[in-house]
Amino acid sequence: MSESFELQHRAKEIRLKREEKVLEIDFEDGKTFSLPAELLRVESPSAEVQGHGPDQKTIIAGRRHVGILSVEPVGNYAIRINFDDLHDTGIFSWDTLYDYGQRQDELWQDYLDALKAKGLSRDP
């Protein structure tokens, strides 16, 4: 049996707001999300952050002031975000970005809770 990879969501427009350190994404279904650079950095879908298994996620501290240098397309399904702390290995699919937009409050609270549990800070 063969499964095909199909996106559920597609971005229509992306705006990088460097001063605000935010990536705004409009999706074809009419939803718009404003995702802070810090959240995108600490939730990067890279192996460095997520690990190679469900219990291997690394908590990234000290990224309160992280910004985005650039955004590069990856095919027609994703983007690579180049952060100013030189992290650039995460490939953010449209579905991942949509999910982060939908669950932004939950992801943010989980991050704050994880920092607190480990005695870490958002500050560098």
C-alpha atoms as a PDB file:
ATOM      1  CA  MET A   1       0.000   0.000   0.000  1.00  0.00           C
ATOM      2  CA  SER A   2       1.387   3.379  -0.940  1.00  0.00           C
ATOM      3  CA  GLU A   3       0.614   6.644   0.831  1.00  0.00           C
ATOM      4  CA  SER A   4       0.996   9.994  -0.872  1.00  0.00           C
ATOM      5  CA  PHE A   5       2.076  13.104   0.962  1.00  0.00           C
ATOM      6  CA  GLU A   6      -0.588  15.741   0.575  1.00  0.00           C
ATOM      7  CA  LEU A   7      -0.764  19.089   2.310  1.00  0.00           C
ATOM      8  CA  GLN A   8      -3.964  19.980   4.074  1.00  0.00           C
ATOM      9  CA  HIS A   9      -3.094  23.685   4.132  1.00  0.00           C
ATOM     10  CA  ARG A  10      -1.376  26.023   1.703  1.00  0.00           C
ATOM     11  CA  ALA A  11       0.055  29.456   2.349  1.00  0.00           C
ATOM     12  CA  LYS A  12      -1.165  32.267   0.150  1.00  0.00           C
ATOM     13  CA  GLU A  13       1.133  35.030   1.414  1.00  0.00           C
ATOM     14  CA  ILE A  14       4.004  35.364   3.901  1.00  0.00           C
ATOM     15  CA  ARG A  15       5.161  38.622   5.452  1.00  0.00           C
ATOM     16  CA  LEU A  16       8.355  38.869   7.486  1.00  0.00           C
ATOM     17  CA  LYS A  17       8.103  41.740   9.955  1.00  0.00           C
ATOM     18  CA  ARG A  18      11.707  42.044  11.105  1.00  0.00           C
ATOM     19  CA  GLU A  19      11.164  44.933  13.529  1.00  0.00           C
ATOM     20  CA  GLU A  20       8.322  43.117  15.304  1.00  0.00           C
ATOM     21  CA  LYS A  21      10.161  39.758  15.023  1.00  0.00           C
ATOM     22  CA  VAL A  22       7.037  38.151  13.610  1.00  0.00           C
ATOM     23  CA  LEU A  23       6.174  36.010  10.602  1.00  0.00           C
ATOM     24  CA  GLU A  24       2.637  36.574   9.300  1.00  0.00           C
ATOM     25  CA  ILE A  25       1.125  33.891   7.129  1.00  0.00           C
ATOM     26  CA  ASP A  26      -2.150  34.022   5.190  1.00  0.00           C
ATOM     27  CA  PHE A  27      -3.559  30.629   4.256  1.00  0.00           C
ATOM     28  CA  GLU A  28      -5.842  29.793   1.353  1.00  0.00           C
ATOM     29  CA  ASP A  29      -8.717  28.980   3.735  1.00  0.00           C
ATOM     30  CA  GLY A  30      -8.736  32.602   4.948  1.00  0.00           C
ATOM     31  CA  LYS A  31      -6.905  32.039   8.237  1.00  0.00           C
ATOM     32  CA  THR A  32      -4.033  34.378   9.108  1.00  0.00           C
ATOM     33  CA  PHE A  33      -1.495  33.690  11.830  1.00  0.00           C
ATOM     34  CA  SER A  34       1.112  35.985  13.340  1.00  0.00           C
ATOM     35  CA  LEU A  35       3.894  33.768  14.689  1.00  0.00           C
ATOM     36  CA  PRO A  36       6.640  35.232  16.906  1.00  0.00           C
ATOM     37  CA  ALA A  37      10.215  34.423  15.907  1.00  0.00           C
ATOM     38  CA  GLU A  38      10.929  33.134  19.415  1.00  0.00           C
ATOM     39  CA  LEU A  39       8.125  30.582  19.225  1.00  0.00           C
ATOM     40  CA  LEU A  40       9.201  29.436  15.763  1.00  0.00           C
ATOM     41  CA  ARG A  41      12.810  29.102  16.946  1.00  0.00           C
ATOM     42  CA  VAL A  42      12.067  27.087  20.074  1.00  0.00           C
ATOM     43  CA  GLU A  43       9.571  24.869  18.208  1.00  0.00           C
ATOM     44  CA  SER A  44      11.776  24.416  15.129  1.00  0.00           C
ATOM     45  CA  PRO A  45      11.004  21.103  13.423  1.00  0.00           C
ATOM     46  CA  SER A  46      14.750  20.417  13.200  1.00  0.00           C
ATOM     47  CA  ALA A  47      16.363  17.324  14.702  1.00  0.00           C
ATOM     48  CA  GLU A  48      18.455  19.692  16.866  1.00  0.00           C
ATOM     49  CA  VAL A  49      15.278  20.819  18.662  1.00  0.00           C
ATOM     50  CA  GLN A  50      12.806  17.951  18.216  1.00  0.00           C
ATOM     51  CA  GLY A  51      15.304  15.095  18.409  1.00  0.00           C
ATOM     52  CA  HIS A  52      14.678  11.814  16.629  1.00  0.00           C
ATOM     53  CA  GLY A  53      11.876  10.532  18.820  1.00  0.00           C
ATOM     54  CA  PRO A  54       8.866  11.725  20.797  1.00  0.00           C
ATOM     55  CA  ASP A  55      10.719  12.145  24.117  1.00  0.00           C
ATOM     56  CA  GLN A  56      13.884  13.781  22.771  1.00  0.00           C
ATOM     57  CA  LYS A  57      12.806  17.407  22.463  1.00  0.00           C
ATOM     58  CA  THR A  58      15.405  19.934  23.605  1.00  0.00           C
ATOM     59  CA  ILE A  59      14.238  22.986  25.520  1.00  0.00           C
ATOM     60  CA  ILE A  60      15.906  26.014  23.944  1.00  0.00           C
ATOM     61  CA  ALA A  61      16.440  28.831  26.461  1.00  0.00           C
ATOM     62  CA  GLY A  62      17.607  32.407  26.038  1.00  0.00           C
ATOM     63  CA  ARG A  63      15.818  33.221  22.794  1.00  0.00           C
ATOM     64  CA  ARG A  64      13.622  36.140  23.909  1.00  0.00           C
ATOM     65  CA  HIS A  65      15.275  38.493  21.394  1.00  0.00           C
ATOM     66  CA  VAL A  66      15.794  36.086  18.479  1.00  0.00           C
ATOM     67  CA  GLY A  67      14.943  37.480  15.074  1.00  0.00           C
ATOM     68  CA  ILE A  68      14.519  36.157  11.569  1.00  0.00           C
ATOM     69  CA  LEU A  69      17.151  37.010   8.965  1.00  0.00           C
ATOM     70  CA  SER A  70      15.378  35.475   5.989  1.00  0.00           C
ATOM     71  CA  VAL A  71      12.782  33.011   4.786  1.00  0.00           C
ATOM     72  CA  GLU A  72      13.483  30.681   1.855  1.00  0.00           C
ATOM     73  CA  PRO A  73      10.985  28.548  -0.058  1.00  0.00           C
ATOM     74  CA  VAL A  74      11.471  24.777   0.013  1.00  0.00           C
ATOM     75  CA  GLY A  75       9.623  23.399  -2.974  1.00  0.00           C
ATOM     76  CA  ASN A  76       5.967  24.378  -2.853  1.00  0.00           C
ATOM     77  CA  TYR A  77       5.292  22.790   0.517  1.00  0.00           C
ATOM     78  CA  ALA A  78       7.483  24.554   3.092  1.00  0.00           C
ATOM     79  CA  ILE A  79       9.922  27.276   4.089  1.00  0.00           C
ATOM     80  CA  ARG A  80      13.317  27.347   5.758  1.00  0.00           C
ATOM     81  CA  ILE A  81      13.677  30.098   8.342  1.00  0.00           C
ATOM     82  CA  ASN A  82      17.124  31.558   8.933  1.00  0.00           C
ATOM     83  CA  PHE A  83      17.254  32.901  12.483  1.00  0.00           C
ATOM     84  CA  ASP A  84      19.757  35.494  13.680  1.00  0.00           C
ATOM     85  CA  ASP A  85      21.204  33.001  16.195  1.00  0.00           C
ATOM     86  CA  LEU A  86      22.320  31.121  13.022  1.00  0.00           C
ATOM     87  CA  HIS A  87      19.833  28.259  13.414  1.00  0.00           C
ATOM     88  CA  ASP A  88      18.581  27.338   9.941  1.00  0.00           C
ATOM     89  CA  THR A  89      18.043  23.592   9.802  1.00  0.00           C
ATOM     90  CA  GLY A  90      14.291  23.364  10.385  1.00  0.00           C
ATOM     91  CA  ILE A  91      11.965  22.898   7.414  1.00  0.00           C
ATOM     92  CA  PHE A  92       8.563  24.353   8.302  1.00  0.00           C
ATOM     93  CA  SER A  93       5.834  22.789   6.152  1.00  0.00           C
ATOM     94  CA  TRP A  94       2.631  24.732   5.576  1.00  0.00           C
ATOM     95  CA  ASP A  95       0.792  22.178   7.719  1.00  0.00           C
ATOM     96  CA  THR A  96       3.301  22.640  10.561  1.00  0.00           C
ATOM     97  CA  LEU A  97       2.957  26.422  10.432  1.00  0.00           C
ATOM     98  CA  TYR A  98      -0.835  26.149  10.355  1.00  0.00           C
ATOM     99  CA  ASP A  99      -0.723  23.824  13.357  1.00  0.00           C
ATOM    100  CA  TYR A 100       1.577  26.238  15.238  1.00  0.00           C
ATOM    101  CA  GLY A 101      -0.851  29.054  14.467  1.00  0.00           C
ATOM    102  CA  GLN A 102      -3.835  27.060  15.702  1.00  0.00           C
ATOM    103  CA  ARG A 103      -2.048  25.890  18.862  1.00  0.00           C
ATOM    104  CA  GLN A 104       0.063  28.982  19.513  1.00  0.00           C
ATOM    105  CA  ASP A 105      -1.225  29.617  23.055  1.00  0.00           C
ATOM    106  CA  GLU A 106      -0.805  25.967  24.052  1.00  0.00           C
ATOM    107  CA  LEU A 107       2.692  25.722  22.558  1.00  0.00           C
ATOM    108  CA  TRP A 108       3.736  28.951  24.260  1.00  0.00           C
ATOM    109  CA  GLN A 109       2.454  27.834  27.679  1.00  0.00           C
ATOM    110  CA  ASP A 110       4.135  24.431  27.310  1.00  0.00           C
ATOM    111  CA  TYR A 111       7.396  26.219  26.501  1.00  0.00           C
ATOM    112  CA  LEU A 112       7.130  28.548  29.515  1.00  0.00           C
ATOM    113  CA  ASP A 113       6.295  25.584  31.768  1.00  0.00           C
ATOM    114  CA  ALA A 114       9.266  23.581  30.440  1.00  0.00           C
ATOM    115  CA  LEU A 115      11.640  26.507  31.011  1.00  0.00           C
ATOM    116  CA  LYS A 116      10.391  26.914  34.573  1.00  0.00           C
ATOM    117  CA  ALA A 117      10.660  23.182  35.308  1.00  0.00           C
ATOM    118  CA  LYS A 118      14.303  23.213  34.194  1.00  0.00           C
ATOM    119  CA  GLY A 119      15.173  26.502  35.908  1.00  0.00           C
ATOM    120  CA  LEU A 120      15.847  28.182  32.560  1.00  0.00           C
ATOM    121  CA  SER A 121      14.960  31.625  31.224  1.00  0.00           C
ATOM    122  CA  ARG A 122      13.846  33.218  27.976  1.00  0.00           C
ATOM    123  CA  ASP A 123      16.599  35.813  28.483  1.00  0.00           C
ATOM    124  CA  PRO A 124      20.059  35.249  27.028  1.00  0.00           C
END
